[in-house]
Amino acid sequence: MAAHTPAFSPDEAQRIVGRLQQPAVFLKMTHGWPVLHWTAENLRERLGDRTVRFRLGRKGDTNAPLFETQCPYVEAKMAHFLSWVKGEAGEDVGPFCDYSSSEYWAYADYKYIAMLFADQPSMFEDVKWEVFGLEGRNGKESTLWVGSEGANTPCHLDSYGCNLVLQVQGRKRWHLFPPEDTSKLYPTRIPYEESSVFSRVDVLHPDLKRFPAFRSARAHTVTLQPGQVLYVPRHWWHYVESVDPITVSVNSWIELDDDYAARVGEAVTKTVVCALKSGENTDDWLNPTEECVPSHNENMHYINLAVRACVQRRRTNQVNSDARTAKRDSSGQIRRCDLEAVPFGPCLLAVRHVPDEHGRASPHTHGDHDGKTSETITTDNLLECLLHPDVITRVTELLLDKQRTPSLQQ
């Protein structure tokens, strides 16, 4: 294999991603990608006087996650950020002047490249996800993350898709937990952010008296180096921290069929959150990424769109499944390539669980019999589901659990 040839062809990479059931790191896939030149210094030149929103967090151990609702924010130039991080005496650090870089970290996260460089669309082509078999996907469908040492995102899972993450500058350490460990991560939707379910545990410094089940959570840890690409499977929990003075990374969430059902659940969640908090201050409930509170009618409209899209996708998948079944040979054999193991090796590293000192199919769903689109879902339909005895029983159990163990309350 030539030194500059990707370790896997686009078709091979696409098949690998489709079979992976655990996080993995791709090596030797990004040589020659122009985005690898997107250091913070390079971005300073490209962005010029344009300001970027940075989230700041105080360094130090608190035994509790630092949610975004608890962080101060500044609008600053990339030049301000670089001078602040480097501690250059006499340099203009802009709004960072109120925060000591020895006491705080800063993070420009979730910056959509399509918006950040709307006036420089040629930059989209610097990101070449088609190498992974994702034809036509580039920086336009990606986000940019720039942080200082210690910058982090609270442990969470993404409701939608899987994730490909390219490390550009510096190193980031990822702590990942499988979906099966969800109950051990003590999930919460407060603060609310569409498509993000947060953990109430500080995974680096857990309070095991409050969260005892976390003892048996299986952390998969990897430090991502520049040029490497991390694959994060659907619904894997992750806590990410910058371990070098400056880090830059680019990611893209890859859509999956299961997202259609997930969008229904997210639409219901948002409707309930907005309804229950409509008469109160929502600052401590809504993440800064949720810039407005939609009306109830807007939320119900989105629920209907999500349900219809999910029903239609399931019908399409069923038709495709029937067609594939019809094409099988009489012996019913599945092609051998579909059963091949994932080719872990020098160019594809599995992110594995290493025990610490403690040693520790979606259901088949048919469409409507007559093939017609489902009726419009009304508020009464939603309430009927939310007030289902099974749901009320579970909610009652959760409320009583909080009363029995007051320390678990936020």
Protein backbone atom coordinates (compact mmCIF):
# COMPACT_ATOMS: atom_id res chain seq x y z
CA MET A 1 0.00 0.00 0.00
CA ALA A 2 1.44 3.39 -1.01
CA ALA A 3 2.19 5.78 1.84
CA HIS A 4 -0.44 8.28 0.68
CA THR A 5 -3.16 5.79 -0.24
CA PRO A 6 -6.03 5.57 2.29
CA ALA A 7 -5.93 2.40 4.33
CA PHE A 8 -9.41 1.45 3.09
CA SER A 9 -11.28 2.23 -0.10
CA PRO A 10 -14.55 4.21 0.23
CA ASP A 11 -16.59 1.03 -0.23
CA GLU A 12 -14.51 -0.84 2.37
CA ALA A 13 -14.74 2.03 4.87
CA GLN A 14 -18.50 2.25 4.38
CA ARG A 15 -18.90 -1.49 4.98
CA ILE A 16 -16.72 -1.31 8.11
CA VAL A 17 -18.73 1.56 9.57
CA GLY A 18 -21.91 -0.35 8.82
CA ARG A 19 -20.67 -3.37 10.83
CA LEU A 20 -18.92 -1.66 13.74
CA GLN A 21 -20.67 -2.17 17.06
CA GLN A 22 -18.06 -0.33 19.16
CA PRO A 23 -15.98 2.84 18.86
CA ALA A 24 -12.94 2.57 16.62
CA VAL A 25 -10.13 4.82 15.38
CA PHE A 26 -9.30 4.99 11.66
CA LEU A 27 -5.63 5.61 10.83
CA LYS A 28 -4.08 6.53 7.48
CA MET A 29 -7.33 7.81 5.98
CA THR A 30 -6.90 11.60 5.92
CA HIS A 31 -3.51 12.28 4.31
CA GLY A 32 -3.78 15.30 2.03
CA TRP A 33 -7.07 16.59 3.46
CA PRO A 34 -6.79 20.42 3.32
CA VAL A 35 -8.76 20.64 6.57
CA LEU A 36 -5.68 19.36 8.41
CA HIS A 37 -4.27 22.87 7.94
CA TRP A 38 -7.17 24.35 9.95
CA THR A 39 -5.12 25.11 13.03
CA ALA A 40 -6.29 27.87 15.34
CA GLU A 41 -3.67 30.15 13.80
CA ASN A 42 -4.96 29.36 10.32
CA LEU A 43 -8.55 29.96 11.41
CA ARG A 44 -7.51 33.32 12.88
CA GLU A 45 -6.42 34.41 9.40
CA ARG A 46 -9.50 33.01 7.68
CA LEU A 47 -11.99 34.51 10.15
CA GLY A 48 -10.28 37.88 10.50
CA ASP A 49 -12.38 40.28 12.59
CA ARG A 50 -15.37 37.96 12.75
CA THR A 51 -16.30 37.02 16.32
CA VAL A 52 -17.03 33.54 17.57
CA ARG A 53 -18.99 32.56 20.67
CA PHE A 54 -16.86 30.83 23.30
CA ARG A 55 -18.14 28.97 26.35
CA LEU A 56 -16.00 29.25 29.47
CA GLY A 57 -15.66 26.88 32.38
CA ARG A 58 -13.78 27.12 35.63
CA LYS A 59 -11.03 24.55 36.02
CA GLY A 60 -11.08 22.23 39.02
CA ASP A 61 -12.91 19.18 40.31
CA THR A 62 -16.52 19.62 41.42
CA ASN A 63 -17.90 16.03 41.39
CA ALA A 64 -20.72 17.38 39.20
CA PRO A 65 -21.03 18.01 35.45
CA LEU A 66 -20.58 21.60 34.30
CA PHE A 67 -23.63 22.03 32.12
CA GLU A 68 -23.70 24.74 29.48
CA THR A 69 -26.43 26.61 31.34
CA GLN A 70 -23.90 27.20 34.15
CA CYS A 71 -21.19 28.67 31.92
CA PRO A 72 -20.41 32.29 31.00
CA TYR A 73 -20.02 33.12 27.31
CA VAL A 74 -18.02 35.67 25.34
CA GLU A 75 -18.07 36.81 21.72
CA ALA A 76 -14.42 37.10 20.71
CA LYS A 77 -12.10 37.02 17.73
CA MET A 78 -9.92 34.00 17.19
CA ALA A 79 -6.94 36.34 17.66
CA HIS A 80 -8.24 37.19 21.15
CA PHE A 81 -8.50 33.48 21.97
CA LEU A 82 -4.96 32.72 20.84
CA SER A 83 -3.45 35.63 22.78
CA TRP A 84 -5.43 34.63 25.87
CA VAL A 85 -4.37 30.98 25.71
CA LYS A 86 -0.73 31.85 25.14
CA GLY A 87 -0.75 34.41 27.98
CA GLU A 88 1.08 36.96 25.86
CA ALA A 89 1.76 40.02 28.00
CA GLY A 90 0.33 43.23 26.62
CA GLU A 91 -1.62 41.46 23.86
CA ASP A 92 -5.28 42.28 23.25
CA VAL A 93 -7.42 39.44 24.61
CA GLY A 94 -10.72 41.25 24.11
CA PRO A 95 -13.57 39.99 26.31
CA PHE A 96 -11.32 37.26 27.72
CA CYS A 97 -9.74 39.94 29.91
CA ASP A 98 -12.27 39.16 32.66
CA TYR A 99 -11.15 35.52 32.85
CA SER A 100 -7.74 34.17 33.80
CA SER A 101 -6.53 31.42 31.46
CA SER A 102 -5.01 29.70 34.48
CA GLU A 103 -8.45 29.42 36.08
CA TYR A 104 -10.72 29.00 33.05
CA TRP A 105 -10.87 27.05 29.81
CA ALA A 106 -12.68 28.20 26.66
CA TYR A 107 -14.55 26.23 24.02
CA ALA A 108 -16.02 27.28 20.68
CA ASP A 109 -18.17 24.20 20.12
CA TYR A 110 -20.93 23.11 17.76
CA LYS A 111 -19.90 25.72 15.15
CA TYR A 112 -21.58 24.74 11.90
CA ILE A 113 -19.03 25.20 9.13
CA ALA A 114 -21.78 26.07 6.63
CA MET A 115 -22.68 29.11 8.75
CA LEU A 116 -19.19 30.01 9.97
CA PHE A 117 -17.77 30.17 6.45
CA ALA A 118 -20.91 31.04 4.49
CA ASP A 119 -18.90 33.67 2.59
CA GLN A 120 -16.10 31.17 1.84
CA PRO A 121 -17.97 28.09 0.50
CA SER A 122 -14.82 26.78 -1.14
CA MET A 123 -13.64 25.81 2.35
CA PHE A 124 -16.34 23.13 2.48
CA GLU A 125 -14.28 21.09 0.04
CA ASP A 126 -11.39 20.94 2.54
CA VAL A 127 -13.31 18.22 4.42
CA LYS A 128 -13.49 14.97 2.44
CA TRP A 129 -15.86 12.54 4.14
CA GLU A 130 -16.40 10.82 0.77
CA VAL A 131 -13.24 8.85 1.61
CA PHE A 132 -15.52 6.95 4.03
CA GLY A 133 -18.02 6.19 1.29
CA LEU A 134 -20.21 9.19 2.14
CA GLU A 135 -20.59 10.53 -1.37
CA GLY A 136 -21.01 14.29 -1.57
CA ARG A 137 -20.48 14.89 2.17
CA ASN A 138 -17.98 17.59 3.07
CA GLY A 139 -17.59 20.51 5.44
CA LYS A 140 -21.06 21.80 4.67
CA GLU A 141 -22.48 18.94 6.76
CA SER A 142 -19.87 19.26 9.51
CA THR A 143 -19.18 21.20 12.69
CA LEU A 144 -16.00 22.80 14.05
CA TRP A 145 -14.71 22.65 17.64
CA VAL A 146 -11.90 24.86 19.00
CA GLY A 147 -10.88 24.66 22.66
CA SER A 148 -8.18 25.26 25.22
CA GLU A 149 -6.75 22.71 27.63
CA GLY A 150 -9.46 21.38 29.94
CA ALA A 151 -12.34 22.36 27.65
CA ASN A 152 -15.00 19.66 27.72
CA THR A 153 -18.54 18.68 26.99
CA PRO A 154 -20.63 17.01 29.72
CA CYS A 155 -21.12 13.30 29.24
CA HIS A 156 -24.08 12.73 26.91
CA LEU A 157 -25.46 10.59 24.13
CA ASP A 158 -26.73 11.84 20.77
CA SER A 159 -30.26 10.81 19.90
CA TYR A 160 -29.55 10.82 16.18
CA GLY A 161 -27.09 9.01 13.96
CA CYS A 162 -23.52 7.91 14.42
CA ASN A 163 -20.51 10.20 14.50
CA LEU A 164 -17.22 10.60 12.62
CA VAL A 165 -14.69 12.91 14.31
CA LEU A 166 -11.44 14.15 12.75
CA GLN A 167 -8.78 15.52 15.07
CA VAL A 168 -6.99 18.45 13.40
CA GLN A 169 -4.84 20.10 16.08
CA GLY A 170 -3.83 18.95 19.55
CA ARG A 171 -5.24 15.90 21.29
CA LYS A 172 -8.62 15.10 22.79
CA ARG A 173 -9.38 12.33 25.23
CA TRP A 174 -12.66 10.48 24.75
CA HIS A 175 -14.41 8.52 27.49
CA LEU A 176 -17.15 6.38 25.92
CA PHE A 177 -19.79 4.12 27.48
CA PRO A 178 -22.01 1.59 25.66
CA PRO A 179 -25.78 2.10 25.35
CA GLU A 180 -26.32 -0.87 27.67
CA ASP A 181 -24.84 1.21 30.51
CA THR A 182 -27.42 4.00 30.16
CA SER A 183 -29.04 3.41 33.56
CA LYS A 184 -25.58 3.58 35.18
CA LEU A 185 -25.03 7.03 33.68
CA TYR A 186 -28.19 8.45 35.36
CA PRO A 187 -29.66 10.12 32.24
CA THR A 188 -31.50 13.43 32.37
CA ARG A 189 -33.13 15.82 29.88
CA ILE A 190 -32.44 18.82 32.08
CA PRO A 191 -30.97 21.00 30.72
CA TYR A 192 -32.97 20.32 27.57
CA GLU A 193 -31.21 20.27 24.22
CA GLU A 194 -32.72 18.63 21.20
CA SER A 195 -31.02 15.30 20.43
CA SER A 196 -28.80 15.34 23.56
CA VAL A 197 -29.42 13.21 26.64
CA PHE A 198 -27.06 14.23 29.44
CA SER A 199 -25.56 12.22 32.28
CA ARG A 200 -25.82 13.56 35.83
CA VAL A 201 -22.45 12.00 36.65
CA ASP A 202 -19.07 13.74 36.53
CA VAL A 203 -17.46 10.74 34.87
CA LEU A 204 -13.89 11.79 35.78
CA HIS A 205 -14.68 12.51 39.44
CA PRO A 206 -17.92 10.64 40.16
CA ASP A 207 -19.82 11.03 43.39
CA LEU A 208 -20.39 7.33 44.01
CA LYS A 209 -22.60 7.98 47.03
CA ARG A 210 -25.10 9.75 44.81
CA PHE A 211 -24.53 7.57 41.75
CA PRO A 212 -23.48 4.11 43.00
CA ALA A 213 -24.41 2.24 39.80
CA PHE A 214 -21.70 4.16 37.95
CA ARG A 215 -19.15 1.85 39.60
CA SER A 216 -19.95 -0.83 37.04
CA ALA A 217 -20.11 1.47 33.98
CA ARG A 218 -17.66 0.30 31.30
CA ALA A 219 -15.51 3.21 30.15
CA HIS A 220 -13.81 2.90 26.75
CA THR A 221 -11.05 5.51 26.64
CA VAL A 222 -8.92 6.77 23.76
CA THR A 223 -6.77 9.85 23.15
CA LEU A 224 -7.36 11.02 19.58
CA GLN A 225 -4.28 12.32 17.73
CA PRO A 226 -4.19 14.79 14.80
CA GLY A 227 -5.09 13.09 11.52
CA GLN A 228 -7.01 10.27 13.20
CA VAL A 229 -10.76 9.74 12.81
CA LEU A 230 -12.90 8.34 15.61
CA TYR A 231 -16.11 6.46 14.85
CA VAL A 232 -18.74 6.80 17.58
CA PRO A 233 -21.63 4.32 17.15
CA ARG A 234 -25.23 5.26 17.72
CA HIS A 235 -26.23 6.00 21.32
CA TRP A 236 -22.75 5.58 22.80
CA TRP A 237 -22.28 7.97 25.72
CA HIS A 238 -19.22 10.21 25.51
CA TYR A 239 -17.34 12.75 27.58
CA VAL A 240 -14.68 14.66 25.62
CA GLU A 241 -11.86 16.78 27.02
CA SER A 242 -9.03 18.77 25.43
CA VAL A 243 -5.66 17.67 26.78
CA ASP A 244 -3.38 20.08 24.86
CA PRO A 245 -3.17 23.90 25.07
CA ILE A 246 -5.18 24.27 21.84
CA THR A 247 -7.36 21.69 20.10
CA VAL A 248 -9.28 21.78 16.83
CA SER A 249 -11.55 19.04 15.55
CA VAL A 250 -14.22 18.57 12.88
CA ASN A 251 -17.09 16.12 13.03
CA SER A 252 -20.12 15.00 11.05
CA TRP A 253 -23.17 13.11 12.27
CA ILE A 254 -24.21 10.35 9.86
CA GLU A 255 -27.94 9.81 9.50
CA LEU A 256 -29.41 6.36 10.22
CA ASP A 257 -32.81 4.79 9.62
CA ASP A 258 -33.41 4.63 13.37
CA ASP A 259 -33.33 8.44 13.44
CA TYR A 260 -36.87 8.56 12.09
CA ALA A 261 -38.29 7.03 15.26
CA ALA A 262 -35.87 9.04 17.40
CA ARG A 263 -37.19 12.27 15.91
CA VAL A 264 -40.67 11.38 17.06
CA GLY A 265 -39.40 10.90 20.60
CA GLU A 266 -37.46 14.15 20.47
CA ALA A 267 -40.52 16.04 19.20
CA VAL A 268 -42.60 14.66 22.08
CA THR A 269 -39.87 15.55 24.59
CA LYS A 270 -39.66 19.13 23.37
CA THR A 271 -43.42 19.53 23.45
CA VAL A 272 -43.61 18.30 27.05
CA VAL A 273 -40.68 20.48 28.18
CA CYS A 274 -42.17 23.60 26.60
CA ALA A 275 -45.64 22.88 27.98
CA LEU A 276 -44.48 22.28 31.55
CA LYS A 277 -42.15 25.29 31.58
CA SER A 278 -44.31 27.74 29.64
CA GLY A 279 -45.19 29.72 32.75
CA GLU A 280 -41.70 29.78 34.27
CA ASN A 281 -38.22 31.03 33.54
CA THR A 282 -36.61 28.43 31.28
CA ASP A 283 -33.02 29.64 31.58
CA ASP A 284 -31.97 26.71 33.74
CA TRP A 285 -33.87 24.19 31.62
CA LEU A 286 -32.87 25.08 28.07
CA ASN A 287 -29.33 24.76 26.79
CA PRO A 288 -28.01 27.89 25.03
CA THR A 289 -28.27 26.00 21.74
CA GLU A 290 -32.07 26.12 22.14
CA GLU A 291 -32.50 29.79 21.29
CA CYS A 292 -36.29 30.00 21.47
CA VAL A 293 -39.30 28.20 22.91
CA PRO A 294 -41.66 27.17 20.07
CA SER A 295 -45.39 27.46 20.50
CA HIS A 296 -47.43 24.37 21.29
CA ASN A 297 -48.89 24.41 17.77
CA GLU A 298 -45.39 24.50 16.27
CA ASN A 299 -44.34 21.56 18.42
CA MET A 300 -47.41 19.53 17.47
CA HIS A 301 -46.76 20.28 13.81
CA TYR A 302 -43.22 18.91 14.17
CA ILE A 303 -44.52 15.77 15.91
CA ASN A 304 -46.79 15.11 12.94
CA LEU A 305 -43.97 15.65 10.44
CA ALA A 306 -41.70 13.29 12.38
CA VAL A 307 -44.35 10.58 12.71
CA ARG A 308 -45.25 10.67 9.03
CA ALA A 309 -41.60 10.53 7.98
CA CYS A 310 -40.99 7.56 10.29
CA VAL A 311 -44.03 5.65 9.04
CA GLN A 312 -43.06 6.27 5.42
CA ARG A 313 -39.47 5.13 6.02
CA ARG A 314 -40.64 1.92 7.69
CA ARG A 315 -42.88 1.16 4.72
CA THR A 316 -39.99 1.78 2.33
CA ASN A 317 -37.67 -0.42 4.38
CA GLN A 318 -40.24 -3.21 4.43
CA VAL A 319 -40.58 -3.08 0.65
CA ASN A 320 -36.80 -3.18 0.26
CA SER A 321 -36.53 -6.04 2.74
CA ASP A 322 -39.14 -8.05 0.86
CA ALA A 323 -37.26 -7.41 -2.39
CA ARG A 324 -33.97 -8.61 -0.91
CA THR A 325 -35.62 -11.73 0.49
CA ALA A 326 -37.05 -12.52 -2.93
CA LYS A 327 -33.57 -12.33 -4.49
CA ARG A 328 -31.97 -14.85 -2.11
CA ASP A 329 -31.06 -18.18 -3.57
CA SER A 330 -33.01 -21.28 -2.64
CA SER A 331 -30.54 -22.23 0.10
CA GLY A 332 -31.19 -18.94 1.88
CA GLN A 333 -27.48 -18.23 2.16
CA ILE A 334 -26.32 -14.72 2.99
CA ARG A 335 -23.28 -13.47 1.10
CA ARG A 336 -20.08 -14.32 2.92
CA CYS A 337 -18.86 -10.68 2.85
CA ASP A 338 -21.81 -9.70 5.05
CA LEU A 339 -20.54 -12.06 7.74
CA GLU A 340 -16.89 -11.03 7.66
CA ALA A 341 -15.43 -9.70 10.88
CA VAL A 342 -14.45 -6.05 11.13
CA PRO A 343 -10.79 -5.89 9.95
CA PHE A 344 -9.17 -4.48 13.08
CA GLY A 345 -5.43 -4.06 12.65
CA PRO A 346 -2.72 -1.40 12.21
CA CYS A 347 -5.10 0.97 10.37
CA LEU A 348 -8.28 0.41 12.40
CA LEU A 349 -7.97 0.42 16.19
CA ALA A 350 -10.79 -0.79 18.42
CA VAL A 351 -11.55 1.43 21.42
CA ARG A 352 -11.85 -1.11 24.20
CA HIS A 353 -12.98 -1.16 27.79
CA VAL A 354 -10.11 -1.49 30.24
CA PRO A 355 -11.31 -2.38 33.77
CA ASP A 356 -10.20 0.05 36.45
CA GLU A 357 -8.85 -0.83 39.85
CA HIS A 358 -12.35 -1.92 40.92
CA GLY A 359 -12.39 -4.51 38.14
CA ARG A 360 -15.27 -3.34 37.08
CA ALA A 361 -33.86 -5.15 16.34
CA SER A 362 -36.10 -2.72 16.34
CA PRO A 363 -39.55 -4.41 16.44
CA HIS A 364 -41.12 -5.19 13.08
CA THR A 365 -43.82 -2.66 12.33
CA HIS A 366 -46.37 -2.83 9.55
CA GLY A 367 -47.85 0.23 7.90
CA ASP A 368 -51.57 0.93 7.70
CA HIS A 369 -53.44 -1.88 5.99
CA ASP A 370 -54.77 0.43 3.31
CA GLY A 371 -51.41 2.18 2.79
CA LYS A 372 -52.88 5.59 3.58
CA THR A 373 -51.05 8.24 5.58
CA SER A 374 -51.86 8.20 9.29
CA GLU A 375 -54.35 10.70 10.65
CA THR A 376 -53.12 13.94 12.14
CA ILE A 377 -51.90 13.56 15.71
CA THR A 378 -53.70 15.96 18.02
CA THR A 379 -52.91 17.20 21.50
CA ASP A 380 -55.49 14.74 22.82
CA ASN A 381 -53.68 11.88 21.03
CA LEU A 382 -50.41 12.94 22.64
CA LEU A 383 -51.99 13.25 26.09
CA GLU A 384 -53.56 9.83 25.69
CA CYS A 385 -50.08 8.35 25.24
CA LEU A 386 -48.43 10.43 27.95
CA LEU A 387 -51.20 9.54 30.39
CA HIS A 388 -51.13 5.85 29.55
CA PRO A 389 -51.21 3.85 32.80
CA ASP A 390 -47.82 2.27 32.02
CA VAL A 391 -46.25 5.70 31.57
CA ILE A 392 -47.86 7.09 34.72
CA THR A 393 -46.72 4.06 36.68
CA ARG A 394 -43.13 4.61 35.58
CA VAL A 395 -43.27 8.36 36.31
CA THR A 396 -44.67 7.60 39.76
CA GLU A 397 -41.82 5.17 40.42
CA LEU A 398 -39.26 7.81 39.42
CA LEU A 399 -40.84 10.45 41.66
CA LEU A 400 -40.97 8.08 44.62
CA ASP A 401 -37.34 7.07 44.01
CA LYS A 402 -36.37 10.74 44.30
CA GLN A 403 -38.22 11.02 47.61
CA ARG A 404 -36.60 7.88 48.98
CA THR A 405 -33.16 9.12 47.92
CA PRO A 406 -33.25 12.96 48.15
CA SER A 407 -29.53 13.22 47.35
CA LEU A 408 -30.30 12.15 43.78
CA GLN A 409 -32.21 15.34 43.14
CA GLN A 410 -30.62 18.05 41.04
